[in-house]
Amino acid sequence: MKKLFISQPMKDKTNDEIERARERAIREATEYIGEPVEIIDSFFKDAPHDAKPLWFLAESIRLMADADLVYFAKGWKDARGCMIDRYGGRCSVPDRECAVQYGVPILEPDY
């Protein structure tokens, strides 16, 4: 069974909205590879109350290390937590760049 990491925007979203997006990702990834997937839980419901944004990024990258496939959910390109600013211009999404540089296959549906 392949392990799936889901990269998705979460800021200003309800838990229900996040869960629905994750369900869609699971469904689409399962259809894409033709078999069930094991979910790497990157929805940090029990994060420390004082966790800073970089804590979430670090945890995400740590979890992605075990992924066989990364799914980029709708809106990831516009999520502050997914984009970084370097030298005054936009550059890659840390999750995406990590997946690309370390050869983790990417699933990014057309929206």
N, C-alpha and C. Protein backbone atom coordinates (compact mmCIF):
# COMPACT_ATOMS: atom_id res chain seq x y z
N MET A 1 0.86 -1.17 0.00
CA MET A 1 0.00 0.00 0.00
C MET A 1 0.90 1.24 0.00
N LYS A 2 0.60 2.19 -0.87
CA LYS A 2 1.38 3.42 -0.98
C LYS A 2 0.96 4.41 0.10
N LYS A 3 1.95 5.18 0.59
CA LYS A 3 1.70 6.19 1.61
C LYS A 3 1.49 7.54 0.93
N LEU A 4 0.38 8.21 1.30
CA LEU A 4 -0.01 9.48 0.70
C LEU A 4 0.16 10.64 1.68
N PHE A 5 0.88 11.67 1.23
CA PHE A 5 0.99 12.92 1.97
C PHE A 5 0.14 13.95 1.25
N ILE A 6 -0.68 14.69 1.99
CA ILE A 6 -1.57 15.69 1.40
C ILE A 6 -1.08 17.07 1.80
N SER A 7 -0.75 17.89 0.80
CA SER A 7 -0.38 19.28 1.03
C SER A 7 -1.60 20.12 0.69
N GLN A 8 -2.09 20.88 1.66
CA GLN A 8 -3.31 21.64 1.45
C GLN A 8 -3.32 22.90 2.29
N PRO A 9 -4.01 23.94 1.82
CA PRO A 9 -4.15 25.13 2.64
C PRO A 9 -5.09 24.84 3.81
N MET A 10 -4.76 25.38 4.99
CA MET A 10 -5.59 25.15 6.17
C MET A 10 -5.98 26.44 6.88
N LYS A 11 -5.26 27.52 6.62
CA LYS A 11 -5.53 28.78 7.31
C LYS A 11 -6.95 29.26 7.00
N ASP A 12 -7.66 29.68 8.03
CA ASP A 12 -9.03 30.19 7.94
C ASP A 12 -10.02 29.16 7.44
N LYS A 13 -9.70 27.88 7.54
CA LYS A 13 -10.62 26.81 7.15
C LYS A 13 -11.10 26.10 8.40
N THR A 14 -12.33 25.64 8.36
CA THR A 14 -12.85 24.86 9.47
C THR A 14 -12.30 23.44 9.38
N ASN A 15 -12.34 22.73 10.49
CA ASN A 15 -11.91 21.33 10.46
C ASN A 15 -12.70 20.54 9.44
N ASP A 16 -13.99 20.84 9.32
CA ASP A 16 -14.84 20.14 8.36
C ASP A 16 -14.38 20.40 6.92
N GLU A 17 -14.06 21.64 6.61
CA GLU A 17 -13.57 21.97 5.26
C GLU A 17 -12.25 21.26 4.96
N ILE A 18 -11.39 21.22 5.95
CA ILE A 18 -10.11 20.54 5.78
C ILE A 18 -10.33 19.05 5.56
N GLU A 19 -11.19 18.45 6.36
CA GLU A 19 -11.48 17.02 6.23
C GLU A 19 -12.10 16.69 4.87
N ARG A 20 -13.00 17.52 4.38
CA ARG A 20 -13.61 17.27 3.06
C ARG A 20 -12.56 17.31 1.96
N ALA A 21 -11.66 18.28 2.03
CA ALA A 21 -10.58 18.36 1.04
C ALA A 21 -9.69 17.13 1.11
N ARG A 22 -9.45 16.65 2.30
CA ARG A 22 -8.62 15.45 2.47
C ARG A 22 -9.33 14.22 1.92
N GLU A 23 -10.63 14.13 2.14
CA GLU A 23 -11.39 13.00 1.59
C GLU A 23 -11.31 12.98 0.06
N ARG A 24 -11.40 14.15 -0.54
CA ARG A 24 -11.29 14.25 -2.00
C ARG A 24 -9.89 13.80 -2.45
N ALA A 25 -8.87 14.24 -1.74
CA ALA A 25 -7.50 13.86 -2.07
C ALA A 25 -7.32 12.35 -2.00
N ILE A 26 -7.85 11.75 -0.97
CA ILE A 26 -7.75 10.29 -0.80
C ILE A 26 -8.45 9.58 -1.93
N ARG A 27 -9.66 10.03 -2.25
CA ARG A 27 -10.43 9.42 -3.34
C ARG A 27 -9.68 9.53 -4.67
N GLU A 28 -9.17 10.73 -4.99
CA GLU A 28 -8.50 10.94 -6.26
C GLU A 28 -7.16 10.20 -6.33
N ALA A 29 -6.44 10.15 -5.23
CA ALA A 29 -5.17 9.42 -5.22
C ALA A 29 -5.41 7.92 -5.39
N THR A 30 -6.44 7.41 -4.73
CA THR A 30 -6.78 6.00 -4.86
C THR A 30 -7.14 5.66 -6.31
N GLU A 31 -7.93 6.52 -6.94
CA GLU A 31 -8.29 6.31 -8.35
C GLU A 31 -7.05 6.39 -9.24
N TYR A 32 -6.17 7.33 -8.96
CA TYR A 32 -4.97 7.57 -9.77
C TYR A 32 -4.03 6.36 -9.77
N ILE A 33 -3.78 5.78 -8.57
CA ILE A 33 -2.84 4.67 -8.52
C ILE A 33 -3.52 3.31 -8.60
N GLY A 34 -4.86 3.29 -8.50
CA GLY A 34 -5.59 2.04 -8.67
C GLY A 34 -5.57 1.11 -7.47
N GLU A 35 -5.28 1.65 -6.31
CA GLU A 35 -5.29 0.85 -5.09
C GLU A 35 -5.48 1.78 -3.90
N PRO A 36 -5.90 1.22 -2.76
CA PRO A 36 -6.06 2.05 -1.57
C PRO A 36 -4.72 2.66 -1.15
N VAL A 37 -4.78 3.77 -0.44
CA VAL A 37 -3.58 4.43 0.05
C VAL A 37 -3.60 4.51 1.57
N GLU A 38 -2.42 4.56 2.15
CA GLU A 38 -2.27 4.80 3.58
C GLU A 38 -2.01 6.29 3.76
N ILE A 39 -2.78 6.92 4.61
CA ILE A 39 -2.69 8.37 4.78
C ILE A 39 -1.64 8.71 5.84
N ILE A 40 -0.75 9.61 5.47
CA ILE A 40 0.18 10.19 6.44
C ILE A 40 -0.55 11.38 7.03
N ASP A 41 -0.83 11.32 8.31
CA ASP A 41 -1.66 12.35 8.94
C ASP A 41 -0.88 13.64 9.15
N SER A 42 -1.14 14.61 8.28
CA SER A 42 -0.47 15.91 8.38
C SER A 42 -1.44 17.01 8.79
N PHE A 43 -2.59 16.62 9.30
CA PHE A 43 -3.57 17.57 9.84
C PHE A 43 -3.33 17.61 11.34
N PHE A 44 -2.59 18.61 11.80
CA PHE A 44 -2.09 18.67 13.17
C PHE A 44 -3.14 19.21 14.14
N LYS A 45 -4.13 18.39 14.45
CA LYS A 45 -5.19 18.80 15.37
C LYS A 45 -4.66 19.01 16.79
N ASP A 46 -3.60 18.31 17.14
CA ASP A 46 -3.05 18.39 18.49
C ASP A 46 -1.74 19.16 18.53
N ALA A 47 -1.57 20.11 17.63
CA ALA A 47 -0.35 20.92 17.61
C ALA A 47 -0.23 21.72 18.90
N PRO A 48 1.00 22.00 19.30
CA PRO A 48 1.16 22.85 20.49
C PRO A 48 0.43 24.18 20.30
N HIS A 49 -0.20 24.66 21.35
CA HIS A 49 -1.01 25.89 21.23
C HIS A 49 -0.17 27.09 20.80
N ASP A 50 1.12 27.06 21.07
CA ASP A 50 1.97 28.18 20.70
C ASP A 50 2.86 27.88 19.48
N ALA A 51 2.48 26.86 18.71
CA ALA A 51 3.28 26.47 17.54
C ALA A 51 3.32 27.60 16.52
N LYS A 52 4.51 27.86 16.04
CA LYS A 52 4.72 28.90 15.03
C LYS A 52 4.61 28.28 13.65
N PRO A 53 4.37 29.10 12.62
CA PRO A 53 4.23 28.57 11.26
C PRO A 53 5.39 27.67 10.83
N LEU A 54 6.60 27.98 11.20
CA LEU A 54 7.73 27.14 10.81
C LEU A 54 7.68 25.76 11.47
N TRP A 55 7.03 25.67 12.63
CA TRP A 55 6.86 24.37 13.26
C TRP A 55 6.04 23.46 12.35
N PHE A 56 4.94 24.03 11.80
CA PHE A 56 4.08 23.25 10.91
C PHE A 56 4.83 22.83 9.65
N LEU A 57 5.61 23.75 9.09
CA LEU A 57 6.39 23.44 7.89
C LEU A 57 7.39 22.32 8.18
N ALA A 58 8.10 22.43 9.29
CA ALA A 58 9.09 21.41 9.65
C ALA A 58 8.43 20.05 9.84
N GLU A 59 7.31 20.02 10.52
CA GLU A 59 6.59 18.76 10.72
C GLU A 59 6.12 18.17 9.40
N SER A 60 5.64 19.03 8.51
CA SER A 60 5.17 18.56 7.20
C SER A 60 6.29 17.92 6.41
N ILE A 61 7.43 18.58 6.38
CA ILE A 61 8.57 18.02 5.63
C ILE A 61 9.04 16.71 6.26
N ARG A 62 9.05 16.66 7.58
CA ARG A 62 9.44 15.42 8.27
C ARG A 62 8.52 14.27 7.88
N LEU A 63 7.22 14.54 7.86
CA LEU A 63 6.26 13.49 7.49
C LEU A 63 6.35 13.11 6.02
N MET A 64 6.62 14.09 5.16
CA MET A 64 6.70 13.81 3.74
C MET A 64 7.84 12.84 3.41
N ALA A 65 8.82 12.76 4.29
CA ALA A 65 9.96 11.87 4.06
C ALA A 65 9.51 10.42 3.89
N ASP A 66 8.36 10.05 4.44
CA ASP A 66 7.86 8.68 4.34
C ASP A 66 6.86 8.48 3.21
N ALA A 67 6.58 9.53 2.44
CA ALA A 67 5.53 9.46 1.41
C ALA A 67 6.00 8.77 0.14
N ASP A 68 5.06 8.04 -0.48
CA ASP A 68 5.27 7.47 -1.80
C ASP A 68 4.65 8.36 -2.87
N LEU A 69 3.73 9.24 -2.43
CA LEU A 69 3.00 10.11 -3.33
C LEU A 69 2.56 11.34 -2.54
N VAL A 70 2.67 12.52 -3.18
CA VAL A 70 2.21 13.76 -2.55
C VAL A 70 1.08 14.33 -3.40
N TYR A 71 -0.02 14.66 -2.74
CA TYR A 71 -1.19 15.24 -3.39
C TYR A 71 -1.25 16.71 -3.01
N PHE A 72 -1.31 17.59 -4.01
CA PHE A 72 -1.43 19.03 -3.76
C PHE A 72 -2.89 19.44 -3.98
N ALA A 73 -3.56 19.79 -2.90
CA ALA A 73 -4.99 20.11 -2.92
C ALA A 73 -5.24 21.51 -3.48
N LYS A 74 -6.46 21.70 -3.92
CA LYS A 74 -6.88 22.99 -4.47
C LYS A 74 -6.50 24.14 -3.53
N GLY A 75 -5.92 25.18 -4.11
CA GLY A 75 -5.56 26.36 -3.34
C GLY A 75 -4.15 26.36 -2.78
N TRP A 76 -3.39 25.29 -2.98
CA TRP A 76 -2.06 25.22 -2.38
C TRP A 76 -1.15 26.33 -2.90
N LYS A 77 -1.34 26.75 -4.14
CA LYS A 77 -0.46 27.79 -4.72
C LYS A 77 -0.66 29.15 -4.04
N ASP A 78 -1.81 29.36 -3.43
CA ASP A 78 -2.11 30.64 -2.81
C ASP A 78 -1.98 30.64 -1.29
N ALA A 79 -1.61 29.53 -0.72
CA ALA A 79 -1.53 29.42 0.74
C ALA A 79 -0.21 29.99 1.25
N ARG A 80 -0.29 30.95 2.16
CA ARG A 80 0.92 31.56 2.70
C ARG A 80 1.87 30.52 3.27
N GLY A 81 1.31 29.54 3.93
CA GLY A 81 2.14 28.50 4.52
C GLY A 81 2.80 27.60 3.50
N CYS A 82 2.33 27.66 2.27
CA CYS A 82 2.91 26.83 1.23
C CYS A 82 3.90 27.58 0.35
N MET A 83 3.83 28.90 0.37
CA MET A 83 4.71 29.70 -0.48
C MET A 83 5.75 30.41 0.38
N ILE A 84 6.91 30.61 -0.19
CA ILE A 84 7.92 31.41 0.49
C ILE A 84 8.38 32.49 -0.46
N ASP A 85 8.89 33.57 0.10
CA ASP A 85 9.34 34.69 -0.71
C ASP A 85 10.86 34.74 -0.61
N ARG A 86 11.51 34.70 -1.75
CA ARG A 86 12.96 34.71 -1.75
C ARG A 86 13.44 35.76 -2.74
N TYR A 87 14.30 36.63 -2.28
CA TYR A 87 14.88 37.67 -3.13
C TYR A 87 13.81 38.53 -3.78
N GLY A 88 12.72 38.77 -3.05
CA GLY A 88 11.68 39.67 -3.54
C GLY A 88 10.71 39.06 -4.53
N GLY A 89 10.84 37.78 -4.85
CA GLY A 89 9.93 37.16 -5.81
C GLY A 89 9.45 35.82 -5.32
N ARG A 90 8.38 35.34 -5.89
CA ARG A 90 7.83 34.06 -5.49
C ARG A 90 8.77 32.94 -5.94
N CYS A 91 8.86 31.92 -5.13
CA CYS A 91 9.61 30.74 -5.55
C CYS A 91 8.78 29.52 -5.20
N SER A 92 9.36 28.37 -5.31
CA SER A 92 8.62 27.13 -5.15
C SER A 92 7.99 26.97 -3.79
N VAL A 93 6.99 26.15 -3.76
CA VAL A 93 6.38 25.73 -2.52
C VAL A 93 7.36 24.80 -1.82
N PRO A 94 7.64 25.00 -0.54
CA PRO A 94 8.59 24.11 0.13
C PRO A 94 8.19 22.64 0.00
N ASP A 95 6.92 22.29 0.24
CA ASP A 95 6.49 20.90 0.10
C ASP A 95 6.77 20.40 -1.31
N ARG A 96 6.38 21.19 -2.30
CA ARG A 96 6.54 20.77 -3.69
C ARG A 96 8.02 20.65 -4.07
N GLU A 97 8.80 21.63 -3.67
CA GLU A 97 10.23 21.59 -4.00
C GLU A 97 10.89 20.38 -3.35
N CYS A 98 10.52 20.07 -2.13
CA CYS A 98 11.06 18.88 -1.46
C CYS A 98 10.68 17.62 -2.23
N ALA A 99 9.43 17.52 -2.63
CA ALA A 99 8.98 16.35 -3.38
C ALA A 99 9.75 16.23 -4.69
N VAL A 100 9.90 17.34 -5.41
CA VAL A 100 10.62 17.33 -6.69
C VAL A 100 12.08 16.93 -6.48
N GLN A 101 12.74 17.61 -5.57
CA GLN A 101 14.18 17.39 -5.38
C GLN A 101 14.50 15.98 -4.86
N TYR A 102 13.57 15.38 -4.12
CA TYR A 102 13.84 14.06 -3.56
C TYR A 102 13.06 12.95 -4.25
N GLY A 103 12.47 13.26 -5.41
CA GLY A 103 11.88 12.24 -6.25
C GLY A 103 10.59 11.61 -5.75
N VAL A 104 9.82 12.33 -4.97
CA VAL A 104 8.52 11.81 -4.52
C VAL A 104 7.48 12.17 -5.58
N PRO A 105 6.81 11.18 -6.18
CA PRO A 105 5.82 11.48 -7.22
C PRO A 105 4.74 12.45 -6.72
N ILE A 106 4.29 13.32 -7.64
CA ILE A 106 3.32 14.36 -7.32
C ILE A 106 2.02 14.10 -8.05
N LEU A 107 0.92 14.28 -7.35
CA LEU A 107 -0.41 14.25 -7.94
C LEU A 107 -1.03 15.60 -7.71
N GLU A 108 -1.27 16.32 -8.81
CA GLU A 108 -1.86 17.65 -8.73
C GLU A 108 -2.99 17.73 -9.75
N PRO A 109 -4.22 17.47 -9.30
CA PRO A 109 -5.35 17.50 -10.22
C PRO A 109 -5.57 18.88 -10.83
N ASP A 110 -6.17 18.92 -12.00
CA ASP A 110 -6.55 20.19 -12.61
C ASP A 110 -7.84 20.65 -11.94
N TYR A 111 -7.86 21.91 -11.51
CA TYR A 111 -9.06 22.42 -10.85
C TYR A 111 -9.73 23.42 -11.73
